[in-house]
Amino acid sequence: MHASASDLNRESMSHSNLDENELKRTLYESMKSAGVLGSLKSQLRSNLYDQLKVKSSQISKPELTASSRNKLNFKVAVSLCADLMKKCDMPYAMSVFLPECGLSHEILTKQELIEIMALQSDDVVSSQPDSTPLLIDLVQRIKHNKSINAGVMTTAV
């Protein structure tokens, strides 16, 4: 029995489809493990957010009516999160987070946060390198003292 030309053609197409599907799967797994897919998803979310923000720019947000102390606390909290995102290499998350908070250009540095929170003399926080996020340093401090109020922010902000 000899295979007809159409049988060979069908078999060839079946192998090429299998090879094509195998290639797609391999490429997908490779990009996923390299973090490319996550990065692309983050970029898409960021771009989607930007487009939605443009569309909703006519709707104004209510002004914060908090006291200046609450505004400073909010700025400190946002700066702690931004410091974490920056030092953990999360630029797309930060590109969505900061505009949402309305503080894109007013982020405090780690050293400014340490001064505002009166943590200069704290051994646990001061022993950490500048490359670590302050939020992680504060978690270390809480774990070290097994309490949240064990001397953190002993002076008024």
N, C-alpha and C. Protein backbone atom coordinates (compact mmCIF):
# COMPACT_ATOMS: atom_id res chain seq x y z
N MET A 1 0.83 -1.18 0.00
CA MET A 1 0.00 0.00 0.00
C MET A 1 0.87 1.24 0.00
N HIS A 2 0.57 2.08 -0.92
CA HIS A 2 1.29 3.34 -1.01
C HIS A 2 0.39 4.45 -0.52
N ALA A 3 0.98 5.38 0.22
CA ALA A 3 0.21 6.52 0.72
C ALA A 3 -0.02 7.50 -0.42
N SER A 4 -1.20 8.01 -0.48
CA SER A 4 -1.51 8.98 -1.52
C SER A 4 -0.92 10.34 -1.15
N ALA A 5 -0.88 11.22 -2.11
CA ALA A 5 -0.33 12.56 -1.89
C ALA A 5 -1.16 13.32 -0.86
N SER A 6 -2.48 13.12 -0.89
CA SER A 6 -3.33 13.83 0.07
C SER A 6 -3.09 13.32 1.48
N ASP A 7 -2.83 12.00 1.63
CA ASP A 7 -2.52 11.45 2.95
C ASP A 7 -1.22 12.03 3.49
N LEU A 8 -0.21 12.12 2.63
CA LEU A 8 1.07 12.69 3.04
C LEU A 8 0.92 14.17 3.40
N ASN A 9 0.13 14.87 2.64
CA ASN A 9 -0.09 16.30 2.89
C ASN A 9 -0.79 16.48 4.24
N ARG A 10 -1.83 15.63 4.51
CA ARG A 10 -2.54 15.70 5.80
C ARG A 10 -1.60 15.39 6.95
N GLU A 11 -0.77 14.38 6.78
CA GLU A 11 0.19 14.00 7.83
C GLU A 11 1.19 15.11 8.06
N SER A 12 1.66 15.74 7.00
CA SER A 12 2.61 16.84 7.10
C SER A 12 1.98 18.02 7.84
N MET A 13 0.71 18.34 7.51
CA MET A 13 0.01 19.45 8.16
C MET A 13 -0.22 19.11 9.63
N SER A 14 -0.52 17.86 9.94
CA SER A 14 -0.74 17.44 11.32
C SER A 14 0.53 17.64 12.14
N HIS A 15 1.68 17.26 11.56
CA HIS A 15 2.96 17.45 12.25
C HIS A 15 3.28 18.93 12.41
N SER A 16 3.00 19.73 11.39
CA SER A 16 3.30 21.16 11.50
C SER A 16 2.40 21.82 12.53
N ASN A 17 1.13 21.40 12.64
CA ASN A 17 0.25 21.93 13.67
C ASN A 17 0.74 21.53 15.05
N LEU A 18 1.16 20.29 15.17
CA LEU A 18 1.69 19.82 16.43
C LEU A 18 2.96 20.60 16.79
N ASP A 19 3.84 20.78 15.84
CA ASP A 19 5.06 21.53 16.07
C ASP A 19 4.74 22.98 16.41
N GLU A 20 3.77 23.55 15.73
CA GLU A 20 3.38 24.93 15.98
C GLU A 20 2.80 25.08 17.39
N ASN A 21 1.94 24.15 17.78
CA ASN A 21 1.37 24.19 19.13
C ASN A 21 2.44 23.97 20.18
N GLU A 22 3.35 23.06 19.92
CA GLU A 22 4.46 22.81 20.84
C GLU A 22 5.33 24.06 20.98
N LEU A 23 5.59 24.71 19.87
CA LEU A 23 6.39 25.95 19.87
C LEU A 23 5.68 27.04 20.68
N LYS A 24 4.37 27.18 20.47
CA LYS A 24 3.60 28.18 21.20
C LYS A 24 3.65 27.91 22.70
N ARG A 25 3.46 26.65 23.09
CA ARG A 25 3.46 26.28 24.49
C ARG A 25 4.83 26.53 25.11
N THR A 26 5.88 26.15 24.41
CA THR A 26 7.24 26.34 24.90
C THR A 26 7.57 27.83 25.05
N LEU A 27 7.18 28.60 24.05
CA LEU A 27 7.41 30.04 24.10
C LEU A 27 6.65 30.67 25.27
N TYR A 28 5.40 30.27 25.45
CA TYR A 28 4.59 30.79 26.55
C TYR A 28 5.24 30.48 27.90
N GLU A 29 5.64 29.23 28.10
CA GLU A 29 6.26 28.83 29.36
C GLU A 29 7.58 29.57 29.60
N SER A 30 8.34 29.74 28.54
CA SER A 30 9.62 30.44 28.65
C SER A 30 9.41 31.90 29.04
N MET A 31 8.45 32.56 28.39
CA MET A 31 8.17 33.97 28.70
C MET A 31 7.59 34.11 30.10
N LYS A 32 6.78 33.16 30.50
CA LYS A 32 6.18 33.19 31.83
C LYS A 32 7.26 33.05 32.90
N SER A 33 8.15 32.09 32.73
CA SER A 33 9.19 31.87 33.74
C SER A 33 10.20 33.01 33.78
N ALA A 34 10.38 33.71 32.68
CA ALA A 34 11.32 34.84 32.66
C ALA A 34 10.68 36.12 33.19
N GLY A 35 9.38 36.08 33.50
CA GLY A 35 8.71 37.26 34.03
C GLY A 35 8.22 38.23 32.98
N VAL A 36 8.36 37.88 31.72
CA VAL A 36 7.95 38.77 30.64
C VAL A 36 6.43 38.93 30.63
N LEU A 37 5.70 37.84 30.82
CA LEU A 37 4.24 37.91 30.78
C LEU A 37 3.71 38.78 31.92
N GLY A 38 4.26 38.63 33.09
CA GLY A 38 3.84 39.47 34.22
C GLY A 38 4.10 40.93 33.96
N SER A 39 5.25 41.21 33.37
CA SER A 39 5.59 42.60 33.04
C SER A 39 4.64 43.16 32.00
N LEU A 40 4.33 42.37 30.99
CA LEU A 40 3.39 42.83 29.96
C LEU A 40 2.00 43.08 30.54
N LYS A 41 1.56 42.19 31.42
CA LYS A 41 0.26 42.39 32.07
C LYS A 41 0.26 43.67 32.89
N SER A 42 1.35 43.93 33.60
CA SER A 42 1.46 45.15 34.40
C SER A 42 1.42 46.39 33.52
N GLN A 43 2.13 46.35 32.39
CA GLN A 43 2.11 47.47 31.46
C GLN A 43 0.72 47.70 30.92
N LEU A 44 0.03 46.63 30.57
CA LEU A 44 -1.33 46.76 30.07
C LEU A 44 -2.26 47.36 31.12
N ARG A 45 -2.13 46.90 32.37
CA ARG A 45 -2.96 47.47 33.45
C ARG A 45 -2.66 48.96 33.63
N SER A 46 -1.38 49.31 33.58
CA SER A 46 -0.99 50.70 33.74
C SER A 46 -1.56 51.56 32.61
N ASN A 47 -1.44 51.07 31.38
CA ASN A 47 -1.97 51.82 30.23
C ASN A 47 -3.49 51.92 30.30
N LEU A 48 -4.14 50.85 30.72
CA LEU A 48 -5.59 50.86 30.88
C LEU A 48 -5.98 51.90 31.92
N TYR A 49 -5.26 51.92 33.04
CA TYR A 49 -5.53 52.90 34.08
C TYR A 49 -5.37 54.32 33.54
N ASP A 50 -4.28 54.56 32.80
CA ASP A 50 -4.05 55.89 32.23
C ASP A 50 -5.21 56.31 31.33
N GLN A 51 -5.68 55.38 30.50
CA GLN A 51 -6.80 55.68 29.60
C GLN A 51 -8.08 55.95 30.39
N LEU A 52 -8.33 55.16 31.41
CA LEU A 52 -9.52 55.39 32.23
C LEU A 52 -9.44 56.71 32.97
N LYS A 53 -8.24 57.06 33.40
CA LYS A 53 -8.05 58.33 34.11
C LYS A 53 -8.35 59.51 33.19
N VAL A 54 -7.90 59.42 31.94
CA VAL A 54 -8.17 60.48 30.97
C VAL A 54 -9.67 60.61 30.75
N LYS A 55 -10.35 59.47 30.62
CA LYS A 55 -11.79 59.47 30.37
C LYS A 55 -12.57 60.05 31.55
N SER A 56 -12.08 59.79 32.76
CA SER A 56 -12.81 60.24 33.94
C SER A 56 -12.26 61.54 34.52
N SER A 57 -11.45 62.26 33.76
CA SER A 57 -10.84 63.49 34.28
C SER A 57 -11.87 64.58 34.55
N GLN A 58 -13.04 64.46 33.92
CA GLN A 58 -14.08 65.47 34.16
C GLN A 58 -14.72 65.30 35.54
N ILE A 59 -14.61 64.10 36.12
CA ILE A 59 -15.17 63.85 37.44
C ILE A 59 -14.10 64.21 38.46
N SER A 60 -14.36 65.20 39.29
CA SER A 60 -13.35 65.63 40.25
C SER A 60 -13.46 64.85 41.54
N LYS A 61 -12.32 64.63 42.17
CA LYS A 61 -12.27 63.93 43.44
C LYS A 61 -12.55 64.94 44.55
N PRO A 62 -13.22 64.50 45.60
CA PRO A 62 -13.42 65.41 46.73
C PRO A 62 -12.08 65.71 47.40
N GLU A 63 -11.91 66.93 47.84
CA GLU A 63 -10.68 67.33 48.51
C GLU A 63 -10.61 66.68 49.89
N LEU A 64 -9.40 66.33 50.28
CA LEU A 64 -9.22 65.80 51.63
C LEU A 64 -9.41 66.93 52.62
N THR A 65 -10.26 66.73 53.59
CA THR A 65 -10.53 67.77 54.57
C THR A 65 -9.81 67.51 55.89
N ALA A 66 -8.85 66.62 55.86
CA ALA A 66 -8.12 66.26 57.07
C ALA A 66 -7.20 67.39 57.49
N SER A 67 -6.80 67.35 58.75
CA SER A 67 -5.87 68.34 59.26
C SER A 67 -4.50 68.14 58.62
N SER A 68 -3.59 69.09 58.84
CA SER A 68 -2.25 68.97 58.25
C SER A 68 -1.52 67.76 58.83
N ARG A 69 -1.81 67.39 60.06
CA ARG A 69 -1.19 66.19 60.66
C ARG A 69 -1.64 64.94 59.91
N ASN A 70 -2.93 64.84 59.60
CA ASN A 70 -3.43 63.68 58.86
C ASN A 70 -2.87 63.66 57.44
N LYS A 71 -2.69 64.84 56.84
CA LYS A 71 -2.10 64.90 55.50
C LYS A 71 -0.66 64.41 55.54
N LEU A 72 0.07 64.79 56.59
CA LEU A 72 1.45 64.32 56.73
C LEU A 72 1.47 62.81 56.95
N ASN A 73 0.57 62.29 57.76
CA ASN A 73 0.49 60.85 57.98
C ASN A 73 0.19 60.12 56.68
N PHE A 74 -0.71 60.68 55.88
CA PHE A 74 -1.04 60.09 54.59
C PHE A 74 0.18 60.10 53.67
N LYS A 75 0.89 61.22 53.66
CA LYS A 75 2.09 61.34 52.83
C LYS A 75 3.17 60.35 53.28
N VAL A 76 3.31 60.16 54.58
CA VAL A 76 4.27 59.20 55.11
C VAL A 76 3.88 57.79 54.68
N ALA A 77 2.59 57.45 54.82
CA ALA A 77 2.12 56.11 54.45
C ALA A 77 2.32 55.84 52.97
N VAL A 78 1.98 56.81 52.13
CA VAL A 78 2.16 56.65 50.68
C VAL A 78 3.64 56.54 50.35
N SER A 79 4.47 57.33 51.02
CA SER A 79 5.91 57.29 50.77
C SER A 79 6.52 55.95 51.19
N LEU A 80 6.02 55.37 52.28
CA LEU A 80 6.49 54.05 52.69
C LEU A 80 6.17 53.00 51.62
N CYS A 81 4.95 53.07 51.09
CA CYS A 81 4.56 52.12 50.03
C CYS A 81 5.37 52.36 48.76
N ALA A 82 5.57 53.63 48.41
CA ALA A 82 6.33 53.96 47.20
C ALA A 82 7.79 53.52 47.34
N ASP A 83 8.35 53.70 48.53
CA ASP A 83 9.73 53.25 48.79
C ASP A 83 9.83 51.74 48.60
N LEU A 84 8.85 51.01 49.10
CA LEU A 84 8.82 49.55 48.94
C LEU A 84 8.74 49.18 47.46
N MET A 85 7.82 49.81 46.73
CA MET A 85 7.64 49.49 45.31
C MET A 85 8.90 49.82 44.50
N LYS A 86 9.52 50.95 44.81
CA LYS A 86 10.72 51.36 44.08
C LYS A 86 11.87 50.39 44.32
N LYS A 87 12.10 50.04 45.58
CA LYS A 87 13.24 49.19 45.92
C LYS A 87 13.00 47.72 45.61
N CYS A 88 11.75 47.34 45.39
CA CYS A 88 11.43 45.96 45.00
C CYS A 88 11.16 45.87 43.50
N ASP A 89 11.52 46.91 42.77
CA ASP A 89 11.43 46.95 41.31
C ASP A 89 10.01 46.66 40.82
N MET A 90 9.08 47.51 41.25
CA MET A 90 7.69 47.40 40.82
C MET A 90 7.24 48.72 40.17
N PRO A 91 7.89 49.12 39.06
CA PRO A 91 7.59 50.43 38.48
C PRO A 91 6.16 50.57 37.95
N TYR A 92 5.59 49.49 37.46
CA TYR A 92 4.25 49.60 36.90
C TYR A 92 3.21 49.73 38.00
N ALA A 93 3.40 49.02 39.10
CA ALA A 93 2.50 49.17 40.24
C ALA A 93 2.59 50.61 40.77
N MET A 94 3.82 51.13 40.83
CA MET A 94 4.02 52.48 41.32
C MET A 94 3.41 53.51 40.37
N SER A 95 3.46 53.23 39.06
CA SER A 95 2.92 54.19 38.09
C SER A 95 1.40 54.29 38.20
N VAL A 96 0.76 53.27 38.76
CA VAL A 96 -0.68 53.32 38.99
C VAL A 96 -0.96 53.87 40.39
N PHE A 97 -0.18 53.43 41.37
CA PHE A 97 -0.41 53.79 42.77
C PHE A 97 -0.24 55.29 43.04
N LEU A 98 0.87 55.87 42.60
CA LEU A 98 1.15 57.27 42.93
C LEU A 98 0.13 58.25 42.36
N PRO A 99 -0.23 58.15 41.08
CA PRO A 99 -1.26 59.07 40.58
C PRO A 99 -2.60 58.89 41.30
N GLU A 100 -2.92 57.67 41.66
CA GLU A 100 -4.16 57.40 42.38
C GLU A 100 -4.16 58.11 43.73
N CYS A 101 -2.98 58.20 44.36
CA CYS A 101 -2.86 58.87 45.66
C CYS A 101 -2.76 60.38 45.53
N GLY A 102 -2.42 60.85 44.34
CA GLY A 102 -2.29 62.28 44.12
C GLY A 102 -1.00 62.87 44.66
N LEU A 103 0.01 62.06 44.85
CA LEU A 103 1.28 62.54 45.42
C LEU A 103 2.48 62.19 44.55
N SER A 104 2.32 62.16 43.26
CA SER A 104 3.38 61.68 42.37
C SER A 104 4.72 62.38 42.58
N HIS A 105 4.70 63.66 42.87
CA HIS A 105 5.96 64.41 42.94
C HIS A 105 6.33 64.78 44.37
N GLU A 106 5.60 64.30 45.34
CA GLU A 106 5.83 64.70 46.72
C GLU A 106 6.23 63.54 47.62
N ILE A 107 6.88 62.54 47.06
CA ILE A 107 7.25 61.35 47.83
C ILE A 107 8.48 61.66 48.68
N LEU A 108 8.43 61.22 49.92
CA LEU A 108 9.54 61.42 50.84
C LEU A 108 10.59 60.33 50.66
N THR A 109 11.85 60.69 50.85
CA THR A 109 12.94 59.71 50.78
C THR A 109 12.98 58.90 52.07
N LYS A 110 13.74 57.83 52.06
CA LYS A 110 13.87 56.99 53.26
C LYS A 110 14.43 57.81 54.42
N GLN A 111 15.43 58.63 54.14
CA GLN A 111 16.03 59.44 55.21
C GLN A 111 15.02 60.45 55.76
N GLU A 112 14.23 61.08 54.89
CA GLU A 112 13.20 62.02 55.36
C GLU A 112 12.15 61.30 56.21
N LEU A 113 11.79 60.10 55.80
CA LEU A 113 10.81 59.31 56.57
C LEU A 113 11.36 58.97 57.95
N ILE A 114 12.64 58.60 57.99
CA ILE A 114 13.27 58.26 59.28
C ILE A 114 13.26 59.48 60.20
N GLU A 115 13.54 60.65 59.64
CA GLU A 115 13.55 61.88 60.45
C GLU A 115 12.14 62.23 60.92
N ILE A 116 11.16 62.19 60.04
CA ILE A 116 9.79 62.53 60.40
C ILE A 116 9.25 61.58 61.46
N MET A 117 9.62 60.31 61.34
CA MET A 117 9.12 59.30 62.28
C MET A 117 10.02 59.17 63.51
N ALA A 118 11.04 60.03 63.60
CA ALA A 118 11.96 60.07 64.74
C ALA A 118 12.58 58.70 65.02
N LEU A 119 13.12 58.10 63.96
CA LEU A 119 13.72 56.77 64.07
C LEU A 119 15.24 56.81 63.94
N GLN A 120 15.86 58.00 63.99
CA GLN A 120 17.30 58.10 63.80
C GLN A 120 18.06 57.31 64.86
N SER A 121 17.55 57.26 66.09
CA SER A 121 18.27 56.58 67.17
C SER A 121 17.83 55.13 67.34
N ASP A 122 16.96 54.65 66.48
CA ASP A 122 16.50 53.27 66.57
C ASP A 122 17.57 52.34 66.00
N ASP A 123 18.06 51.42 66.83
CA ASP A 123 19.14 50.52 66.43
C ASP A 123 18.72 49.58 65.30
N VAL A 124 17.51 49.05 65.37
CA VAL A 124 17.07 48.09 64.37
C VAL A 124 16.94 48.77 63.00
N VAL A 125 16.29 49.92 62.96
CA VAL A 125 16.09 50.64 61.69
C VAL A 125 17.40 51.20 61.16
N SER A 126 18.21 51.79 62.03
CA SER A 126 19.45 52.41 61.57
C SER A 126 20.49 51.40 61.12
N SER A 127 20.36 50.16 61.55
CA SER A 127 21.34 49.14 61.14
C SER A 127 21.05 48.58 59.74
N GLN A 128 19.91 48.91 59.17
CA GLN A 128 19.54 48.39 57.85
C GLN A 128 20.15 49.26 56.75
N PRO A 129 20.56 48.66 55.65
CA PRO A 129 21.12 49.46 54.55
C PRO A 129 20.05 50.31 53.88
N ASP A 130 20.47 51.37 53.21
CA ASP A 130 19.53 52.27 52.55
C ASP A 130 18.79 51.58 51.40
N SER A 131 19.35 50.48 50.90
CA SER A 131 18.74 49.79 49.77
C SER A 131 17.50 48.98 50.18
N THR A 132 17.32 48.75 51.48
CA THR A 132 16.13 48.03 51.91
C THR A 132 14.98 49.01 52.10
N PRO A 133 13.78 48.61 51.77
CA PRO A 133 12.63 49.49 51.98
C PRO A 133 12.40 49.74 53.48
N LEU A 134 12.07 50.97 53.82
CA LEU A 134 11.84 51.31 55.22
C LEU A 134 10.68 50.50 55.80
N LEU A 135 9.70 50.19 55.00
CA LEU A 135 8.58 49.39 55.49
C LEU A 135 9.06 48.02 55.97
N ILE A 136 9.99 47.43 55.25
CA ILE A 136 10.58 46.15 55.67
C ILE A 136 11.37 46.34 56.97
N ASP A 137 12.11 47.47 57.05
CA ASP A 137 12.86 47.77 58.28
C ASP A 137 11.91 47.88 59.47
N LEU A 138 10.77 48.51 59.27
CA LEU A 138 9.80 48.68 60.36
C LEU A 138 9.20 47.33 60.77
N VAL A 139 8.96 46.48 59.80
CA VAL A 139 8.47 45.13 60.12
C VAL A 139 9.51 44.40 60.97
N GLN A 140 10.78 44.54 60.59
CA GLN A 140 11.87 43.92 61.36
C GLN A 140 11.86 44.46 62.80
N ARG A 141 11.63 45.77 62.93
CA ARG A 141 11.63 46.39 64.26
C ARG A 141 10.48 45.84 65.10
N ILE A 142 9.33 45.72 64.49
CA ILE A 142 8.16 45.20 65.21
C ILE A 142 8.42 43.76 65.64
N LYS A 143 8.98 42.98 64.73
CA LYS A 143 9.29 41.58 65.06
C LYS A 143 10.34 41.52 66.17
N HIS A 144 11.32 42.40 66.12
CA HIS A 144 12.40 42.43 67.12
C HIS A 144 11.84 42.73 68.51
N ASN A 145 10.89 43.67 68.58
CA ASN A 145 10.32 44.07 69.87
C ASN A 145 9.06 43.30 70.22
N LYS A 146 8.58 42.49 69.28
CA LYS A 146 7.35 41.71 69.47
C LYS A 146 6.17 42.59 69.85
N SER A 147 6.21 43.83 69.39
CA SER A 147 5.12 44.77 69.67
C SER A 147 5.19 45.92 68.69
N ILE A 148 4.04 46.52 68.46
CA ILE A 148 4.00 47.69 67.59
C ILE A 148 4.35 48.96 68.36
N ASN A 149 4.00 49.05 69.63
CA ASN A 149 4.23 50.28 70.37
C ASN A 149 5.44 50.21 71.30
N ALA A 150 6.39 49.42 70.99
CA ALA A 150 7.57 49.31 71.84
C ALA A 150 8.60 50.38 71.46
N GLY A 151 8.21 51.64 71.57
CA GLY A 151 9.15 52.73 71.33
C GLY A 151 9.10 53.33 69.95
N VAL A 152 8.28 52.85 69.06
CA VAL A 152 8.19 53.44 67.73
C VAL A 152 7.51 54.78 67.83
N MET A 153 8.09 55.77 67.21
CA MET A 153 7.57 57.13 67.14
C MET A 153 7.28 57.67 68.55
N THR A 154 8.32 57.78 69.35
CA THR A 154 8.15 58.25 70.72
C THR A 154 7.96 59.75 70.79
N THR A 155 8.31 60.48 69.73
CA THR A 155 8.10 61.91 69.71
C THR A 155 6.95 62.24 68.76
N ALA A 156 6.36 63.37 68.98
CA ALA A 156 5.21 63.79 68.14
C ALA A 156 5.66 64.05 66.72
N VAL A 157 4.83 63.68 65.79
CA VAL A 157 5.14 63.89 64.36
C VAL A 157 4.74 65.29 64.00
